Amino acid sequence: MIRNLAVNATRAHVRRWVGRAEVPPALASLATLPGYHYVDAFTLDWEGADEWTAGEWARAMFEDDRPILARAATRGLLGVMLNRPDPRGLINGFTIALPDRATLRGDVRSNLSADQIVVSVTPAQVSLVTAVRHNTPIAKAIWTVVSNLHRSFAPRVLRYAATELRGLSGSRVSAGQGRGRRGGRSSIA
C-alpha cells in the first residue's frame, strides 16, 4: 500500500509559476519579504494535504535525519543539501515567522540576500512559495545560477514530502501514534 502511495506521489503533477506576473495573487500575497526581486510558487495537488500541518510539510521537505550518504543515495544532490532537524526550531536554517496549521513562513537573511519560504496547505493541495531579495549585485548573479537548481528541486521536494508523510501516516495508524514526524508531534505547527 505505501509503495503505491509513493508511486502516486512521484507522478503527481506540480504546477509552477515564476515571477510576479505569473504567480497567482493568492500565493504571491503569502510572501511578505519587503522589496523582493524574485518570487515563484509550486503547488502539488494532493487530496487530504491538510491531514498534516504546514510545519510538518516543511520538515518533510527540508529536513532529513538520516546520515548524509543515505540522504545522497535516495535523494541525490538534493539529499546532500538538506539539513538534519534543528533543535532550536529552525527549518533548514530558516527562522519561522508565521507558524500556524495552514501556513508556515520562514525567513533567512545574510549580507548577500534575504530569502523567504512559505508553505501553505489546503485540503487538496500544498504550495511552496519562495521570495528572494538581492542585497548586492553579486547576489543577483549567484541567484541567477542557483534559481535553476531551486526550480528543479522544488517539485521534487513537494513530491518527496507527500511520499514521506503518507508513509508516516501508514505507520502511525498501525502503531496508534499521534501526528508528527517519526511519530511525535512537531514542535512547529
N, C-alpha and C. Protein backbone atom coordinates (compact mmCIF):
# COMPACT_ATOMS: atom_id res chain seq x y z
N MET A 1 0.82 -1.20 0.00
CA MET A 1 0.00 0.00 0.00
C MET A 1 0.86 1.25 0.00
N ILE A 2 1.84 1.34 0.88
CA ILE A 2 2.71 2.51 0.93
C ILE A 2 3.48 2.65 -0.38
N ARG A 3 3.87 1.55 -0.97
CA ARG A 3 4.58 1.61 -2.24
C ARG A 3 3.72 2.28 -3.31
N ASN A 4 2.42 1.94 -3.38
CA ASN A 4 1.53 2.58 -4.35
C ASN A 4 1.42 4.07 -4.09
N LEU A 5 1.36 4.46 -2.82
CA LEU A 5 1.28 5.89 -2.50
C LEU A 5 2.55 6.60 -2.95
N ALA A 6 3.70 5.94 -2.79
CA ALA A 6 4.95 6.56 -3.21
C ALA A 6 4.98 6.75 -4.71
N VAL A 7 4.50 5.76 -5.46
CA VAL A 7 4.45 5.88 -6.92
C VAL A 7 3.53 7.02 -7.30
N ASN A 8 2.37 7.12 -6.65
CA ASN A 8 1.44 8.20 -6.95
C ASN A 8 2.07 9.55 -6.67
N ALA A 9 2.82 9.67 -5.59
CA ALA A 9 3.44 10.95 -5.26
C ALA A 9 4.51 11.31 -6.29
N THR A 10 5.28 10.34 -6.75
CA THR A 10 6.33 10.66 -7.71
C THR A 10 5.76 11.05 -9.05
N ARG A 11 4.54 10.67 -9.33
CA ARG A 11 3.89 11.03 -10.60
C ARG A 11 2.94 12.20 -10.45
N ALA A 12 2.72 12.65 -9.24
CA ALA A 12 1.77 13.73 -9.00
C ALA A 12 2.22 15.00 -9.73
N HIS A 13 1.25 15.70 -10.28
CA HIS A 13 1.53 16.92 -11.03
C HIS A 13 1.79 18.09 -10.09
N VAL A 14 2.85 18.82 -10.38
CA VAL A 14 3.17 20.03 -9.64
C VAL A 14 3.07 21.20 -10.61
N ARG A 15 2.22 22.15 -10.28
CA ARG A 15 2.10 23.37 -11.09
C ARG A 15 3.16 24.36 -10.64
N ARG A 16 3.65 25.16 -11.58
CA ARG A 16 4.74 26.09 -11.25
C ARG A 16 4.48 27.44 -11.90
N TRP A 17 4.81 28.48 -11.15
CA TRP A 17 4.72 29.86 -11.63
C TRP A 17 5.99 30.56 -11.21
N VAL A 18 6.58 31.35 -12.12
CA VAL A 18 7.81 32.07 -11.82
C VAL A 18 7.62 33.54 -12.19
N GLY A 19 7.89 34.42 -11.25
CA GLY A 19 7.80 35.86 -11.49
C GLY A 19 6.50 36.46 -10.99
N ARG A 20 6.56 37.75 -10.69
CA ARG A 20 5.39 38.45 -10.15
C ARG A 20 4.19 38.37 -11.09
N ALA A 21 4.43 38.41 -12.37
CA ALA A 21 3.33 38.39 -13.34
C ALA A 21 2.64 37.03 -13.41
N GLU A 22 3.36 35.96 -13.07
CA GLU A 22 2.79 34.61 -13.19
C GLU A 22 2.21 34.05 -11.89
N VAL A 23 2.84 34.34 -10.77
CA VAL A 23 2.41 33.74 -9.51
C VAL A 23 1.00 34.25 -9.17
N PRO A 24 0.05 33.32 -8.93
CA PRO A 24 -1.31 33.74 -8.60
C PRO A 24 -1.33 34.67 -7.38
N PRO A 25 -2.17 35.71 -7.40
CA PRO A 25 -2.21 36.68 -6.30
C PRO A 25 -2.38 36.04 -4.92
N ALA A 26 -3.19 35.00 -4.82
CA ALA A 26 -3.41 34.36 -3.52
C ALA A 26 -2.11 33.78 -2.96
N LEU A 27 -1.26 33.26 -3.83
CA LEU A 27 0.03 32.73 -3.38
C LEU A 27 1.06 33.84 -3.21
N ALA A 28 1.09 34.79 -4.14
CA ALA A 28 2.04 35.90 -4.04
C ALA A 28 1.84 36.70 -2.75
N SER A 29 0.59 36.82 -2.33
CA SER A 29 0.31 37.60 -1.12
C SER A 29 0.86 36.94 0.15
N LEU A 30 1.19 35.66 0.08
CA LEU A 30 1.78 34.98 1.23
C LEU A 30 3.22 35.42 1.48
N ALA A 31 3.90 35.88 0.43
CA ALA A 31 5.28 36.36 0.56
C ALA A 31 5.25 37.78 1.09
N THR A 32 5.83 37.98 2.27
CA THR A 32 5.81 39.30 2.91
C THR A 32 7.19 39.95 2.95
N LEU A 33 8.15 39.35 2.29
CA LEU A 33 9.51 39.90 2.26
C LEU A 33 9.48 41.24 1.53
N PRO A 34 9.84 42.34 2.20
CA PRO A 34 9.78 43.65 1.54
C PRO A 34 10.77 43.76 0.38
N GLY A 35 10.30 44.30 -0.73
CA GLY A 35 11.16 44.59 -1.87
C GLY A 35 11.80 43.40 -2.53
N TYR A 36 11.14 42.25 -2.54
CA TYR A 36 11.77 41.08 -3.15
C TYR A 36 11.90 41.26 -4.67
N HIS A 37 12.95 40.65 -5.21
CA HIS A 37 13.25 40.73 -6.64
C HIS A 37 12.79 39.48 -7.39
N TYR A 38 12.62 38.39 -6.68
CA TYR A 38 12.28 37.11 -7.30
C TYR A 38 11.19 36.46 -6.47
N VAL A 39 10.23 35.86 -7.15
CA VAL A 39 9.21 35.06 -6.47
C VAL A 39 8.81 33.91 -7.39
N ASP A 40 8.57 32.76 -6.79
CA ASP A 40 7.99 31.64 -7.53
C ASP A 40 7.07 30.87 -6.61
N ALA A 41 6.26 30.03 -7.20
CA ALA A 41 5.33 29.20 -6.42
C ALA A 41 5.19 27.86 -7.12
N PHE A 42 5.11 26.81 -6.31
CA PHE A 42 4.91 25.45 -6.79
C PHE A 42 3.77 24.85 -5.98
N THR A 43 2.81 24.22 -6.65
CA THR A 43 1.67 23.64 -5.96
C THR A 43 1.50 22.19 -6.37
N LEU A 44 1.44 21.32 -5.37
CA LEU A 44 1.18 19.90 -5.56
C LEU A 44 -0.27 19.64 -5.21
N ASP A 45 -1.03 19.12 -6.16
CA ASP A 45 -2.41 18.73 -5.87
C ASP A 45 -2.36 17.40 -5.13
N TRP A 46 -2.89 17.39 -3.90
CA TRP A 46 -2.78 16.20 -3.05
C TRP A 46 -3.98 16.17 -2.11
N GLU A 47 -4.95 15.35 -2.45
CA GLU A 47 -6.16 15.22 -1.64
C GLU A 47 -5.78 14.82 -0.22
N GLY A 48 -6.31 15.55 0.75
CA GLY A 48 -6.01 15.26 2.15
C GLY A 48 -4.72 15.90 2.63
N ALA A 49 -4.19 16.88 1.88
CA ALA A 49 -2.93 17.53 2.27
C ALA A 49 -3.00 18.12 3.66
N ASP A 50 -4.18 18.58 4.06
CA ASP A 50 -4.31 19.23 5.37
C ASP A 50 -4.38 18.24 6.53
N GLU A 51 -4.16 16.96 6.24
CA GLU A 51 -4.02 15.99 7.33
C GLU A 51 -2.76 16.32 8.15
N TRP A 52 -1.82 17.04 7.51
CA TRP A 52 -0.58 17.45 8.16
C TRP A 52 -0.52 18.97 8.18
N THR A 53 0.16 19.50 9.18
CA THR A 53 0.31 20.95 9.30
C THR A 53 1.33 21.45 8.28
N ALA A 54 1.33 22.76 8.08
CA ALA A 54 2.34 23.37 7.20
C ALA A 54 3.75 23.09 7.73
N GLY A 55 3.91 23.08 9.05
CA GLY A 55 5.20 22.78 9.65
C GLY A 55 5.65 21.35 9.38
N GLU A 56 4.71 20.42 9.44
CA GLU A 56 5.05 19.02 9.13
C GLU A 56 5.45 18.88 7.66
N TRP A 57 4.73 19.56 6.77
CA TRP A 57 5.11 19.55 5.35
C TRP A 57 6.50 20.14 5.17
N ALA A 58 6.78 21.29 5.81
CA ALA A 58 8.08 21.94 5.67
C ALA A 58 9.20 21.03 6.15
N ARG A 59 9.01 20.39 7.29
CA ARG A 59 10.04 19.49 7.80
C ARG A 59 10.24 18.30 6.86
N ALA A 60 9.15 17.77 6.31
CA ALA A 60 9.28 16.64 5.38
C ALA A 60 10.00 17.08 4.10
N MET A 61 9.83 18.34 3.71
CA MET A 61 10.50 18.84 2.50
C MET A 61 11.98 19.11 2.73
N PHE A 62 12.32 19.73 3.85
CA PHE A 62 13.64 20.33 4.01
C PHE A 62 14.53 19.69 5.06
N GLU A 63 14.04 18.70 5.78
CA GLU A 63 14.87 18.04 6.79
C GLU A 63 14.92 16.55 6.53
N ASP A 64 16.02 15.96 6.90
CA ASP A 64 16.19 14.52 6.79
C ASP A 64 17.21 14.14 7.85
N ASP A 65 16.81 13.30 8.80
CA ASP A 65 17.72 13.00 9.90
C ASP A 65 18.62 11.79 9.65
N ARG A 66 18.60 11.28 8.43
CA ARG A 66 19.49 10.16 8.11
C ARG A 66 20.90 10.67 7.84
N PRO A 67 21.91 9.79 7.94
CA PRO A 67 23.28 10.19 7.61
C PRO A 67 23.35 10.72 6.17
N ILE A 68 24.32 11.58 5.90
CA ILE A 68 24.42 12.25 4.60
C ILE A 68 24.51 11.26 3.44
N LEU A 69 25.22 10.16 3.60
CA LEU A 69 25.33 9.20 2.50
C LEU A 69 23.99 8.54 2.19
N ALA A 70 23.20 8.27 3.21
CA ALA A 70 21.87 7.70 2.98
C ALA A 70 20.98 8.71 2.27
N ARG A 71 21.08 9.97 2.67
CA ARG A 71 20.29 11.02 2.00
C ARG A 71 20.71 11.14 0.54
N ALA A 72 22.01 11.13 0.29
CA ALA A 72 22.52 11.25 -1.08
C ALA A 72 22.09 10.06 -1.93
N ALA A 73 22.10 8.87 -1.34
CA ALA A 73 21.73 7.67 -2.09
C ALA A 73 20.28 7.69 -2.53
N THR A 74 19.40 8.24 -1.71
CA THR A 74 17.98 8.22 -2.05
C THR A 74 17.47 9.50 -2.68
N ARG A 75 18.15 10.62 -2.42
CA ARG A 75 17.66 11.91 -2.93
C ARG A 75 18.67 12.66 -3.78
N GLY A 76 19.83 12.06 -4.05
CA GLY A 76 20.83 12.70 -4.89
C GLY A 76 21.38 13.97 -4.27
N LEU A 77 21.74 14.93 -5.12
CA LEU A 77 22.30 16.20 -4.65
C LEU A 77 21.37 16.88 -3.67
N LEU A 78 20.08 16.78 -3.91
CA LEU A 78 19.11 17.39 -3.01
C LEU A 78 19.28 16.85 -1.59
N GLY A 79 19.48 15.55 -1.46
CA GLY A 79 19.65 14.95 -0.14
C GLY A 79 20.87 15.47 0.60
N VAL A 80 21.93 15.78 -0.15
CA VAL A 80 23.14 16.32 0.46
C VAL A 80 22.87 17.73 0.99
N MET A 81 22.00 18.47 0.32
CA MET A 81 21.73 19.86 0.69
C MET A 81 20.77 20.00 1.87
N LEU A 82 20.05 18.94 2.21
CA LEU A 82 19.09 19.02 3.30
C LEU A 82 19.79 19.04 4.65
N ASN A 83 19.13 19.62 5.61
CA ASN A 83 19.66 19.68 6.97
C ASN A 83 19.04 18.61 7.84
N ARG A 84 19.75 18.28 8.90
CA ARG A 84 19.18 17.44 9.95
C ARG A 84 18.26 18.33 10.77
N PRO A 85 17.30 17.76 11.48
CA PRO A 85 16.41 18.59 12.31
C PRO A 85 17.21 19.46 13.27
N ASP A 86 16.78 20.71 13.41
CA ASP A 86 17.47 21.70 14.23
C ASP A 86 16.79 21.80 15.59
N PRO A 87 17.52 21.59 16.67
CA PRO A 87 16.89 21.64 18.00
C PRO A 87 16.41 23.03 18.39
N ARG A 88 16.88 24.06 17.68
CA ARG A 88 16.46 25.43 18.01
C ARG A 88 15.13 25.80 17.35
N GLY A 89 14.53 24.89 16.61
CA GLY A 89 13.24 25.19 15.98
C GLY A 89 13.35 25.79 14.60
N LEU A 90 14.57 25.88 14.05
CA LEU A 90 14.73 26.35 12.68
C LEU A 90 14.40 25.21 11.73
N ILE A 91 14.01 25.55 10.52
CA ILE A 91 13.81 24.54 9.49
C ILE A 91 14.76 24.88 8.35
N ASN A 92 15.76 24.03 8.14
CA ASN A 92 16.77 24.21 7.10
C ASN A 92 17.41 25.60 7.17
N GLY A 93 17.62 26.09 8.38
CA GLY A 93 18.25 27.38 8.58
C GLY A 93 17.30 28.57 8.58
N PHE A 94 16.05 28.33 8.26
CA PHE A 94 15.06 29.41 8.22
C PHE A 94 14.46 29.63 9.60
N THR A 95 14.36 30.89 10.01
CA THR A 95 13.68 31.27 11.24
C THR A 95 12.19 31.29 10.94
N ILE A 96 11.41 30.63 11.75
CA ILE A 96 9.97 30.53 11.49
C ILE A 96 9.27 31.77 12.00
N ALA A 97 8.63 32.50 11.07
CA ALA A 97 8.00 33.77 11.39
C ALA A 97 6.49 33.65 11.58
N LEU A 98 5.87 32.73 10.90
CA LEU A 98 4.41 32.61 10.99
C LEU A 98 4.04 31.14 11.01
N PRO A 99 4.09 30.51 12.18
CA PRO A 99 3.66 29.12 12.20
C PRO A 99 2.19 29.01 12.60
N ASP A 100 1.38 28.52 11.71
CA ASP A 100 0.03 28.12 12.09
C ASP A 100 -0.27 26.84 11.33
N ARG A 101 -1.41 26.29 11.54
CA ARG A 101 -1.71 24.99 10.97
C ARG A 101 -1.64 24.99 9.44
N ALA A 102 -2.13 26.06 8.80
CA ALA A 102 -2.23 26.08 7.34
C ALA A 102 -1.08 26.79 6.64
N THR A 103 -0.34 27.62 7.35
CA THR A 103 0.71 28.41 6.70
C THR A 103 1.93 28.50 7.61
N LEU A 104 3.09 28.32 7.00
CA LEU A 104 4.34 28.49 7.72
C LEU A 104 5.21 29.41 6.87
N ARG A 105 5.73 30.44 7.48
CA ARG A 105 6.63 31.37 6.78
C ARG A 105 7.98 31.30 7.46
N GLY A 106 9.02 31.10 6.66
CA GLY A 106 10.38 31.05 7.18
C GLY A 106 11.26 32.09 6.51
N ASP A 107 12.09 32.74 7.30
CA ASP A 107 12.97 33.79 6.79
C ASP A 107 14.42 33.49 7.12
N VAL A 108 15.31 33.84 6.21
CA VAL A 108 16.74 33.79 6.47
C VAL A 108 17.36 35.00 5.79
N ARG A 109 18.29 35.62 6.49
CA ARG A 109 18.93 36.84 5.96
C ARG A 109 20.45 36.69 6.05
N SER A 110 21.11 37.27 5.06
CA SER A 110 22.57 37.32 5.06
C SER A 110 22.99 38.66 4.46
N ASN A 111 24.28 38.89 4.39
CA ASN A 111 24.75 40.11 3.74
C ASN A 111 24.41 40.14 2.26
N LEU A 112 24.31 38.96 1.65
CA LEU A 112 24.03 38.87 0.22
C LEU A 112 22.55 39.01 -0.12
N SER A 113 21.69 38.37 0.67
CA SER A 113 20.28 38.36 0.30
C SER A 113 19.39 38.11 1.51
N ALA A 114 18.12 38.36 1.30
CA ALA A 114 17.09 37.97 2.27
C ALA A 114 16.19 37.01 1.52
N ASP A 115 15.87 35.89 2.14
CA ASP A 115 15.08 34.85 1.48
C ASP A 115 13.91 34.47 2.37
N GLN A 116 12.81 34.13 1.73
CA GLN A 116 11.63 33.71 2.47
C GLN A 116 10.99 32.53 1.75
N ILE A 117 10.61 31.53 2.55
CA ILE A 117 9.81 30.44 2.02
C ILE A 117 8.48 30.46 2.75
N VAL A 118 7.44 30.07 2.03
CA VAL A 118 6.12 29.94 2.63
C VAL A 118 5.57 28.59 2.21
N VAL A 119 5.11 27.82 3.17
CA VAL A 119 4.42 26.56 2.89
C VAL A 119 2.97 26.78 3.27
N SER A 120 2.08 26.54 2.32
CA SER A 120 0.65 26.74 2.53
C SER A 120 -0.09 25.45 2.22
N VAL A 121 -0.98 25.06 3.13
CA VAL A 121 -1.69 23.79 2.99
C VAL A 121 -3.19 24.04 2.97
N THR A 122 -3.87 23.40 2.02
CA THR A 122 -5.33 23.40 1.96
C THR A 122 -5.77 21.94 1.93
N PRO A 123 -7.07 21.67 1.97
CA PRO A 123 -7.50 20.27 1.95
C PRO A 123 -7.05 19.49 0.72
N ALA A 124 -6.81 20.16 -0.41
CA ALA A 124 -6.50 19.43 -1.63
C ALA A 124 -5.14 19.76 -2.24
N GLN A 125 -4.33 20.59 -1.58
CA GLN A 125 -3.03 20.91 -2.16
C GLN A 125 -2.08 21.49 -1.12
N VAL A 126 -0.81 21.44 -1.48
CA VAL A 126 0.23 22.09 -0.68
C VAL A 126 1.07 22.93 -1.64
N SER A 127 1.38 24.15 -1.21
CA SER A 127 2.16 25.07 -2.06
C SER A 127 3.43 25.49 -1.35
N LEU A 128 4.45 25.71 -2.15
CA LEU A 128 5.73 26.24 -1.69
C LEU A 128 5.99 27.53 -2.45
N VAL A 129 6.09 28.63 -1.73
CA VAL A 129 6.37 29.94 -2.32
C VAL A 129 7.75 30.38 -1.85
N THR A 130 8.56 30.88 -2.77
CA THR A 130 9.89 31.37 -2.44
C THR A 130 10.03 32.81 -2.92
N ALA A 131 10.52 33.68 -2.06
CA ALA A 131 10.81 35.07 -2.42
C ALA A 131 12.26 35.38 -2.05
N VAL A 132 12.94 36.12 -2.91
CA VAL A 132 14.35 36.45 -2.69
C VAL A 132 14.57 37.93 -2.98
N ARG A 133 15.27 38.59 -2.07
CA ARG A 133 15.69 39.98 -2.29
C ARG A 133 17.22 40.00 -2.31
N HIS A 134 17.79 40.52 -3.39
CA HIS A 134 19.24 40.61 -3.53
C HIS A 134 19.72 41.87 -2.83
N ASN A 135 20.67 41.73 -1.93
CA ASN A 135 21.23 42.88 -1.23
C ASN A 135 22.48 43.42 -1.91
N THR A 136 23.05 42.64 -2.83
CA THR A 136 24.25 43.06 -3.56
C THR A 136 24.15 42.58 -5.01
N PRO A 137 24.89 43.20 -5.92
CA PRO A 137 24.89 42.74 -7.31
C PRO A 137 25.37 41.30 -7.45
N ILE A 138 26.34 40.89 -6.65
CA ILE A 138 26.83 39.52 -6.73
C ILE A 138 25.74 38.52 -6.34
N ALA A 139 24.88 38.91 -5.42
CA ALA A 139 23.78 38.03 -5.01
C ALA A 139 22.85 37.75 -6.18
N LYS A 140 22.60 38.76 -6.99
CA LYS A 140 21.74 38.56 -8.17
C LYS A 140 22.38 37.56 -9.12
N ALA A 141 23.69 37.69 -9.35
CA ALA A 141 24.39 36.76 -10.24
C ALA A 141 24.36 35.34 -9.69
N ILE A 142 24.57 35.21 -8.40
CA ILE A 142 24.54 33.88 -7.77
C ILE A 142 23.15 33.28 -7.88
N TRP A 143 22.11 34.07 -7.58
CA TRP A 143 20.75 33.55 -7.61
C TRP A 143 20.34 33.16 -9.03
N THR A 144 20.85 33.87 -10.04
CA THR A 144 20.54 33.51 -11.42
C THR A 144 20.93 32.07 -11.70
N VAL A 145 22.06 31.64 -11.16
CA VAL A 145 22.51 30.26 -11.33
C VAL A 145 21.76 29.32 -10.39
N VAL A 146 21.70 29.68 -9.12
CA VAL A 146 21.08 28.82 -8.10
C VAL A 146 19.58 28.65 -8.34
N SER A 147 18.93 29.65 -8.88
CA SER A 147 17.48 29.56 -9.08
C SER A 147 17.10 28.43 -10.03
N ASN A 148 17.97 28.12 -10.99
CA ASN A 148 17.69 26.99 -11.87
C ASN A 148 17.65 25.68 -11.09
N LEU A 149 18.60 25.50 -10.18
CA LEU A 149 18.58 24.32 -9.31
C LEU A 149 17.34 24.33 -8.43
N HIS A 150 17.05 25.47 -7.85
CA HIS A 150 15.87 25.61 -6.98
C HIS A 150 14.60 25.19 -7.73
N ARG A 151 14.44 25.66 -8.95
CA ARG A 151 13.21 25.33 -9.71
C ARG A 151 13.15 23.86 -10.09
N SER A 152 14.30 23.21 -10.21
CA SER A 152 14.26 21.77 -10.49
C SER A 152 14.02 20.96 -9.22
N PHE A 153 14.49 21.48 -8.07
CA PHE A 153 14.31 20.77 -6.80
C PHE A 153 12.92 20.95 -6.21
N ALA A 154 12.30 22.10 -6.38
CA ALA A 154 11.03 22.39 -5.70
C ALA A 154 9.95 21.34 -5.97
N PRO A 155 9.69 20.95 -7.23
CA PRO A 155 8.68 19.91 -7.43
C PRO A 155 9.06 18.59 -6.76
N ARG A 156 10.35 18.28 -6.77
CA ARG A 156 10.80 17.03 -6.15
C ARG A 156 10.61 17.04 -4.65
N VAL A 157 10.89 18.18 -3.99
CA VAL A 157 10.71 18.19 -2.53
C VAL A 157 9.24 18.09 -2.16
N LEU A 158 8.36 18.67 -2.97
CA LEU A 158 6.92 18.53 -2.70
C LEU A 158 6.49 17.07 -2.83
N ARG A 159 6.91 16.43 -3.91
CA ARG A 159 6.54 15.01 -4.11
C ARG A 159 7.15 14.13 -3.02
N TYR A 160 8.41 14.38 -2.69
CA TYR A 160 9.06 13.58 -1.65
C TYR A 160 8.34 13.74 -0.32
N ALA A 161 7.98 14.96 0.02
CA ALA A 161 7.27 15.21 1.28
C ALA A 161 5.95 14.45 1.32
N ALA A 162 5.24 14.44 0.19
CA ALA A 162 3.97 13.71 0.14
C ALA A 162 4.20 12.22 0.40
N THR A 163 5.23 11.68 -0.22
CA THR A 163 5.57 10.27 -0.01
C THR A 163 5.95 10.01 1.45
N GLU A 164 6.79 10.88 1.98
CA GLU A 164 7.26 10.75 3.37
C GLU A 164 6.08 10.81 4.35
N LEU A 165 5.22 11.80 4.18
CA LEU A 165 4.11 11.97 5.11
C LEU A 165 3.09 10.84 4.98
N ARG A 166 2.81 10.41 3.77
CA ARG A 166 1.89 9.27 3.61
C ARG A 166 2.46 8.02 4.24
N GLY A 167 3.77 7.81 4.10
CA GLY A 167 4.41 6.66 4.72
C GLY A 167 4.34 6.72 6.23
N LEU A 168 4.56 7.91 6.78
CA LEU A 168 4.46 8.08 8.23
C LEU A 168 3.03 7.90 8.70
N SER A 169 2.09 8.34 7.88
CA SER A 169 0.68 8.19 8.23
C SER A 169 0.32 6.73 8.35
N GLY A 170 0.79 5.91 7.40
CA GLY A 170 0.50 4.49 7.46
C GLY A 170 1.11 3.84 8.67
N SER A 171 2.34 4.24 9.03
CA SER A 171 2.98 3.65 10.20
C SER A 171 2.35 4.16 11.48
N ARG A 172 1.85 5.41 11.49
CA ARG A 172 1.20 5.93 12.68
C ARG A 172 -0.11 5.21 12.94
N VAL A 173 -0.85 4.97 11.87
CA VAL A 173 -2.14 4.30 12.03
C VAL A 173 -1.93 2.91 12.61
N SER A 174 -0.94 2.19 12.07
CA SER A 174 -0.73 0.84 12.56
C SER A 174 -0.14 0.83 13.97
N ALA A 175 0.62 1.88 14.32
CA ALA A 175 1.23 1.92 15.65
C ALA A 175 0.38 2.69 16.65
N GLY A 176 -0.71 3.30 16.18
CA GLY A 176 -1.59 4.06 17.06
C GLY A 176 -0.95 5.32 17.60
N GLN A 177 -0.03 5.92 16.83
CA GLN A 177 0.67 7.11 17.29
C GLN A 177 -0.02 8.37 16.80
N GLY A 178 0.34 9.49 17.42
CA GLY A 178 -0.22 10.78 17.03
C GLY A 178 0.49 11.37 15.84
N ARG A 179 0.13 12.61 15.54
CA ARG A 179 0.70 13.32 14.40
C ARG A 179 2.14 13.70 14.62
N GLY A 180 2.84 13.94 13.51
CA GLY A 180 4.19 14.48 13.57
C GLY A 180 5.19 13.51 12.98
N ARG A 181 6.33 14.02 12.61
CA ARG A 181 7.38 13.19 12.02
C ARG A 181 7.90 12.20 13.04
N ARG A 182 8.18 11.04 12.58
CA ARG A 182 8.69 9.96 13.39
C ARG A 182 7.85 9.69 14.62
N GLY A 183 6.52 9.90 14.45
CA GLY A 183 5.58 9.50 15.48
C GLY A 183 5.24 10.54 16.51
N GLY A 184 6.01 11.58 16.69
CA GLY A 184 5.70 12.60 17.69
C GLY A 184 5.14 13.85 17.05
N ARG A 185 4.56 14.71 17.83
CA ARG A 185 4.01 15.95 17.30
C ARG A 185 5.15 16.93 17.03
N SER A 186 5.09 17.56 15.89
CA SER A 186 6.10 18.54 15.53
C SER A 186 6.08 19.70 16.52
N SER A 187 7.24 20.25 16.83
CA SER A 187 7.29 21.39 17.74
C SER A 187 6.86 22.68 17.06
N ILE A 188 6.78 22.66 15.76
CA ILE A 188 6.31 23.81 15.00
C ILE A 188 5.04 23.41 14.30
N ALA A 189 4.03 24.26 14.42
CA ALA A 189 2.70 23.94 13.89
C ALA A 189 2.73 23.50 12.46
